[in-house]
C-alpha atoms as a PDB file:
ATOM      1  CA  MET A   1     -14.442  24.221  21.945  1.00  0.00           C
ATOM      2  CA  ARG A   2     -14.391  26.513  18.871  1.00  0.00           C
ATOM      3  CA  LYS A   3     -10.749  25.555  18.110  1.00  0.00           C
ATOM      4  CA  GLU A   4     -11.660  21.845  18.160  1.00  0.00           C
ATOM      5  CA  GLU A   5     -14.543  22.487  15.753  1.00  0.00           C
ATOM      6  CA  ASN A   6     -12.195  24.356  13.395  1.00  0.00           C
ATOM      7  CA  THR A   7      -9.663  21.524  13.541  1.00  0.00           C
ATOM      8  CA  ILE A   8     -12.347  18.945  12.775  1.00  0.00           C
ATOM      9  CA  GLU A   9     -13.664  21.113   9.922  1.00  0.00           C
ATOM     10  CA  ILE A  10     -10.157  21.432   8.403  1.00  0.00           C
ATOM     11  CA  ARG A  11      -9.572  17.666   8.690  1.00  0.00           C
ATOM     12  CA  ASN A  12     -12.907  16.953   7.013  1.00  0.00           C
ATOM     13  CA  GLN A  13     -12.152  19.441   4.240  1.00  0.00           C
ATOM     14  CA  LYS A  14      -8.721  17.850   3.623  1.00  0.00           C
ATOM     15  CA  LYS A  15     -10.356  14.426   3.493  1.00  0.00           C
ATOM     16  CA  GLU A  16     -12.966  15.734   1.030  1.00  0.00           C
ATOM     17  CA  ASN A  17     -10.234  17.316  -1.122  1.00  0.00           C
ATOM     18  CA  LYS A  18      -8.212  14.108  -1.150  1.00  0.00           C
ATOM     19  CA  MET A  19     -11.247  12.101  -2.153  1.00  0.00           C
ATOM     20  CA  LYS A  20     -12.297  14.827  -4.584  1.00  0.00           C
ATOM     21  CA  TYR A  21      -8.927  14.961  -6.379  1.00  0.00           C
ATOM     22  CA  ASP A  22      -8.432  11.189  -6.411  1.00  0.00           C
ATOM     23  CA  LYS A  23     -12.052  10.706  -7.513  1.00  0.00           C
ATOM     24  CA  LYS A  24     -11.573  13.219 -10.321  1.00  0.00           C
ATOM     25  CA  ILE A  25      -8.457  11.358 -11.506  1.00  0.00           C
ATOM     26  CA  GLU A  26     -10.463   8.126 -11.426  1.00  0.00           C
ATOM     27  CA  GLU A  27     -13.488   9.708 -13.184  1.00  0.00           C
ATOM     28  CA  LEU A  28     -11.234  10.940 -15.963  1.00  0.00           C
ATOM     29  CA  LYS A  29      -9.821   7.412 -16.249  1.00  0.00           C
ATOM     30  CA  LEU A  30      -6.330   8.814 -15.806  1.00  0.00           C
ATOM     31  CA  ILE A  31      -3.492   6.597 -14.741  1.00  0.00           C
ATOM     32  CA  LEU A  32      -0.748   8.472 -12.973  1.00  0.00           C
ATOM     33  CA  PRO A  33       2.701   7.348 -14.069  1.00  0.00           C
ATOM     34  CA  LYS A  34       5.318   6.371 -11.500  1.00  0.00           C
ATOM     35  CA  ALA A  35       6.998   9.525 -10.224  1.00  0.00           C
ATOM     36  CA  ALA A  36      10.418   9.295 -11.859  1.00  0.00           C
ATOM     37  CA  ASP A  37      13.629   9.877  -9.975  1.00  0.00           C
ATOM     38  CA  PRO A  38      15.828  12.662 -11.372  1.00  0.00           C
ATOM     39  CA  VAL A  39      18.569  11.667 -13.792  1.00  0.00           C
ATOM     40  CA  GLY A  40      20.859  14.620 -13.086  1.00  0.00           C
ATOM     41  CA  SER A  41      22.285  16.686 -10.267  1.00  0.00           C
ATOM     42  CA  TYR A  42      18.972  17.958  -8.918  1.00  0.00           C
ATOM     43  CA  VAL A  43      15.944  16.807  -6.945  1.00  0.00           C
ATOM     44  CA  ALA A  44      12.527  16.045  -8.441  1.00  0.00           C
ATOM     45  CA  VAL A  45      10.709  18.108  -5.814  1.00  0.00           C
ATOM     46  CA  ARG A  46      11.586  20.631  -3.156  1.00  0.00           C
ATOM     47  CA  ILE A  47       9.386  21.920  -0.364  1.00  0.00           C
ATOM     48  CA  SER A  48      10.158  25.371   1.013  1.00  0.00           C
ATOM     49  CA  GLY A  49       7.742  26.624   3.621  1.00  0.00           C
ATOM     50  CA  LYS A  50       4.301  26.016   2.145  1.00  0.00           C
ATOM     51  CA  LEU A  51       5.512  25.859  -1.454  1.00  0.00           C
ATOM     52  CA  LEU A  52       6.084  22.659  -3.409  1.00  0.00           C
ATOM     53  CA  PHE A  53       8.416  23.105  -6.380  1.00  0.00           C
ATOM     54  CA  ILE A  54       8.322  20.356  -9.003  1.00  0.00           C
ATOM     55  CA  SER A  55      11.230  20.130 -11.421  1.00  0.00           C
ATOM     56  CA  GLY A  56      10.563  20.063 -15.147  1.00  0.00           C
ATOM     57  CA  GLN A  57       8.652  16.983 -16.248  1.00  0.00           C
ATOM     58  CA  ILE A  58       9.318  15.885 -19.805  1.00  0.00           C
ATOM     59  CA  SER A  59       6.827  14.486 -22.282  1.00  0.00           C
ATOM     60  CA  MET A  60       6.517  10.695 -22.092  1.00  0.00           C
ATOM     61  CA  ASN A  61       3.725   8.490 -23.386  1.00  0.00           C
ATOM     62  CA  GLU A  62       1.757   5.856 -21.443  1.00  0.00           C
ATOM     63  CA  LYS A  63       4.533   3.306 -22.043  1.00  0.00           C
ATOM     64  CA  GLY A  64       7.181   5.612 -20.583  1.00  0.00           C
ATOM     65  CA  GLU A  65       8.655   6.356 -24.013  1.00  0.00           C
ATOM     66  CA  LEU A  66       9.804   9.882 -24.761  1.00  0.00           C
ATOM     67  CA  ILE A  67       7.549  12.030 -26.923  1.00  0.00           C
ATOM     68  CA  LYS A  68      10.202  13.609 -29.111  1.00  0.00           C
ATOM     69  CA  GLY A  69      10.163  16.165 -31.858  1.00  0.00           C
ATOM     70  CA  LYS A  70       9.905  19.785 -32.763  1.00  0.00           C
ATOM     71  CA  LEU A  71       6.532  21.539 -32.929  1.00  0.00           C
ATOM     72  CA  GLY A  72       6.032  23.073 -36.350  1.00  0.00           C
ATOM     73  CA  LYS A  73       8.138  20.373 -38.005  1.00  0.00           C
ATOM     74  CA  ASP A  74       7.630  16.898 -36.502  1.00  0.00           C
ATOM     75  CA  LEU A  75       4.509  17.468 -34.403  1.00  0.00           C
ATOM     76  CA  ASP A  76       1.369  19.567 -34.795  1.00  0.00           C
ATOM     77  CA  THR A  77      -0.310  21.675 -32.111  1.00  0.00           C
ATOM     78  CA  GLU A  78      -2.704  18.894 -31.047  1.00  0.00           C
ATOM     79  CA  GLU A  79       0.163  16.416 -30.602  1.00  0.00           C
ATOM     80  CA  GLY A  80       1.998  19.060 -28.574  1.00  0.00           C
ATOM     81  CA  TYR A  81      -1.121  19.662 -26.461  1.00  0.00           C
ATOM     82  CA  ASN A  82      -1.268  15.924 -25.689  1.00  0.00           C
ATOM     83  CA  ALA A  83       2.463  15.864 -24.882  1.00  0.00           C
ATOM     84  CA  ALA A  84       1.924  18.756 -22.432  1.00  0.00           C
ATOM     85  CA  LYS A  85      -0.962  16.806 -20.870  1.00  0.00           C
ATOM     86  CA  ARG A  86       1.447  13.924 -20.277  1.00  0.00           C
ATOM     87  CA  CYS A  87       3.845  16.344 -18.569  1.00  0.00           C
ATOM     88  CA  ALA A  88       0.988  17.431 -16.281  1.00  0.00           C
ATOM     89  CA  LEU A  89       0.262  13.801 -15.359  1.00  0.00           C
ATOM     90  CA  ASN A  90       3.919  13.482 -14.329  1.00  0.00           C
ATOM     91  CA  ILE A  91       3.577  16.691 -12.292  1.00  0.00           C
ATOM     92  CA  VAL A  92       0.548  15.295 -10.435  1.00  0.00           C
ATOM     93  CA  ALA A  93       2.417  12.017  -9.825  1.00  0.00           C
ATOM     94  CA  GLN A  94       5.381  13.954  -8.377  1.00  0.00           C
ATOM     95  CA  ALA A  95       3.045  16.086  -6.239  1.00  0.00           C
ATOM     96  CA  LYS A  96       1.275  13.006  -4.914  1.00  0.00           C
ATOM     97  CA  LYS A  97       4.590  11.350  -4.039  1.00  0.00           C
ATOM     98  CA  ALA A  98       5.879  14.527  -2.346  1.00  0.00           C
ATOM     99  CA  CYS A  99       2.642  14.726  -0.341  1.00  0.00           C
ATOM    100  CA  GLU A 100       2.923  11.094   0.807  1.00  0.00           C
ATOM    101  CA  ASN A 101       0.042  10.007  -1.494  1.00  0.00           C
ATOM    102  CA  ASP A 102      -2.244  12.628   0.071  1.00  0.00           C
ATOM    103  CA  LEU A 103      -3.360  15.154  -2.541  1.00  0.00           C
ATOM    104  CA  SER A 104      -5.451  16.937   0.106  1.00  0.00           C
ATOM    105  CA  LYS A 105      -2.169  18.562   1.169  1.00  0.00           C
ATOM    106  CA  ILE A 106      -2.362  20.601  -2.048  1.00  0.00           C
ATOM    107  CA  LYS A 107      -4.004  23.967  -1.454  1.00  0.00           C
ATOM    108  CA  SER A 108      -3.537  25.314  -4.982  1.00  0.00           C
ATOM    109  CA  CYS A 109      -1.428  25.335  -8.106  1.00  0.00           C
ATOM    110  CA  ILE A 110       0.461  28.636  -8.175  1.00  0.00           C
ATOM    111  CA  LYS A 111       2.283  28.496 -11.508  1.00  0.00           C
ATOM    112  CA  LEU A 112       3.211  26.301 -14.464  1.00  0.00           C
ATOM    113  CA  THR A 113       6.082  27.068 -16.787  1.00  0.00           C
ATOM    114  CA  GLY A 114       5.988  25.237 -20.093  1.00  0.00           C
ATOM    115  CA  PHE A 115       8.802  24.895 -22.600  1.00  0.00           C
ATOM    116  CA  VAL A 116       7.990  23.927 -26.174  1.00  0.00           C
ATOM    117  CA  ASN A 117      10.654  22.569 -28.529  1.00  0.00           C
ATOM    118  CA  SER A 118       9.591  24.449 -31.653  1.00  0.00           C
ATOM    119  CA  THR A 119      10.638  25.895 -34.968  1.00  0.00           C
ATOM    120  CA  ASP A 120      11.336  29.604 -35.326  1.00  0.00           C
ATOM    121  CA  ASP A 121       8.016  30.216 -37.054  1.00  0.00           C
ATOM    122  CA  PHE A 122       5.841  28.158 -34.660  1.00  0.00           C
ATOM    123  CA  THR A 123       3.721  30.530 -32.544  1.00  0.00           C
ATOM    124  CA  ASP A 124       1.182  28.258 -30.824  1.00  0.00           C
ATOM    125  CA  GLN A 125       3.196  27.602 -27.641  1.00  0.00           C
ATOM    126  CA  PRO A 126       0.292  28.807 -25.449  1.00  0.00           C
ATOM    127  CA  LYS A 127      -2.084  26.359 -27.169  1.00  0.00           C
ATOM    128  CA  VAL A 128       0.408  23.536 -26.582  1.00  0.00           C
ATOM    129  CA  ILE A 129       0.860  24.326 -22.870  1.00  0.00           C
ATOM    130  CA  ASN A 130      -2.933  24.521 -22.507  1.00  0.00           C
ATOM    131  CA  GLY A 131      -2.687  20.711 -22.424  1.00  0.00           C
ATOM    132  CA  ALA A 132      -0.951  20.920 -19.043  1.00  0.00           C
ATOM    133  CA  SER A 133      -3.058  23.837 -17.773  1.00  0.00           C
ATOM    134  CA  ASP A 134      -6.342  22.185 -18.735  1.00  0.00           C
ATOM    135  CA  LEU A 135      -5.439  18.917 -17.001  1.00  0.00           C
ATOM    136  CA  ILE A 136      -4.321  20.609 -13.765  1.00  0.00           C
ATOM    137  CA  ALA A 137      -7.490  22.750 -13.720  1.00  0.00           C
ATOM    138  CA  THR A 138      -9.683  19.734 -14.459  1.00  0.00           C
ATOM    139  CA  ILE A 139      -8.206  17.687 -11.598  1.00  0.00           C
ATOM    140  CA  PHE A 140      -7.931  20.452  -8.983  1.00  0.00           C
ATOM    141  CA  GLY A 141     -10.867  22.668  -9.988  1.00  0.00           C
ATOM    142  CA  ASP A 142     -10.560  26.270  -8.780  1.00  0.00           C
ATOM    143  CA  ALA A 143      -7.449  25.280  -6.811  1.00  0.00           C
ATOM    144  CA  GLY A 144      -5.877  24.319 -10.137  1.00  0.00           C
ATOM    145  CA  MET A 145      -6.177  27.776 -11.682  1.00  0.00           C
ATOM    146  CA  HIS A 146      -2.647  29.120 -11.983  1.00  0.00           C
ATOM    147  CA  ALA A 147      -0.331  31.722 -13.460  1.00  0.00           C
ATOM    148  CA  ARG A 148       1.684  30.476 -16.422  1.00  0.00           C
ATOM    149  CA  ALA A 149       4.424  31.016 -18.950  1.00  0.00           C
ATOM    150  CA  ALA A 150       4.640  29.239 -22.315  1.00  0.00           C
ATOM    151  CA  VAL A 151       8.124  29.534 -23.766  1.00  0.00           C
ATOM    152  CA  SER A 152       9.542  28.524 -27.131  1.00  0.00           C
ATOM    153  CA  THR A 153      12.940  26.871 -27.154  1.00  0.00           C
ATOM    154  CA  ASN A 154      15.092  25.486 -29.950  1.00  0.00           C
ATOM    155  CA  SER A 155      15.755  22.227 -28.097  1.00  0.00           C
ATOM    156  CA  LEU A 156      14.918  20.340 -24.916  1.00  0.00           C
ATOM    157  CA  PRO A 157      16.673  17.507 -23.050  1.00  0.00           C
ATOM    158  CA  LEU A 158      16.726  14.189 -24.930  1.00  0.00           C
ATOM    159  CA  GLY A 159      14.933  15.853 -27.859  1.00  0.00           C
ATOM    160  CA  VAL A 160      11.546  15.852 -26.109  1.00  0.00           C
ATOM    161  CA  ALA A 161       8.747  18.014 -27.434  1.00  0.00           C
ATOM    162  CA  VAL A 162       7.572  19.589 -24.159  1.00  0.00           C
ATOM    163  CA  GLU A 163       8.749  20.149 -20.591  1.00  0.00           C
ATOM    164  CA  VAL A 164       6.648  21.661 -17.793  1.00  0.00           C
ATOM    165  CA  ASP A 165       7.531  22.549 -14.208  1.00  0.00           C
ATOM    166  CA  ALA A 166       5.166  23.581 -11.423  1.00  0.00           C
ATOM    167  CA  ILE A 167       4.785  25.391  -8.137  1.00  0.00           C
ATOM    168  CA  PHE A 168       2.020  24.349  -5.724  1.00  0.00           C
ATOM    169  CA  GLU A 169       0.932  25.842  -2.417  1.00  0.00           C
ATOM    170  CA  LEU A 170       0.480  23.365   0.418  1.00  0.00           C
ATOM    171  CA  ASN A 171      -2.027  23.564   3.257  1.00  0.00           C
END
């Protein structure tokens, strides 16, 4: 009997998490973009055991147009923060697709790695990648708290401003 109760409790918790995460997305008036297919010789997501790896998601605006430029030259820190937020929306869209539209399968966000296309003297990469970190933490709450790296680079694919990849733990 105890095992059945535990199973029911886990199912209810997953259902609550799914509703909680989807409700949070709705509350924030966020619209998840379509999870894009990869354009190279790689996969968008890979599940290994209980880990969900999401390939780098590049900065694109609401219309699907690339957010291009170099931080410290073409874009300021706030614009970079918003570009990183857009990357995080793409990450959530990829996670949702990988989890068959069931975000309750997400146990936690383990790590984000953010790459910032920036000038040699730009030093606010962590503030830029906070855009992605803040969005993931806002949607997933405590389960969204993660380890992170914020890396400067002299260029990114297609000239985009920001790219972020992610690792999630699944239930």
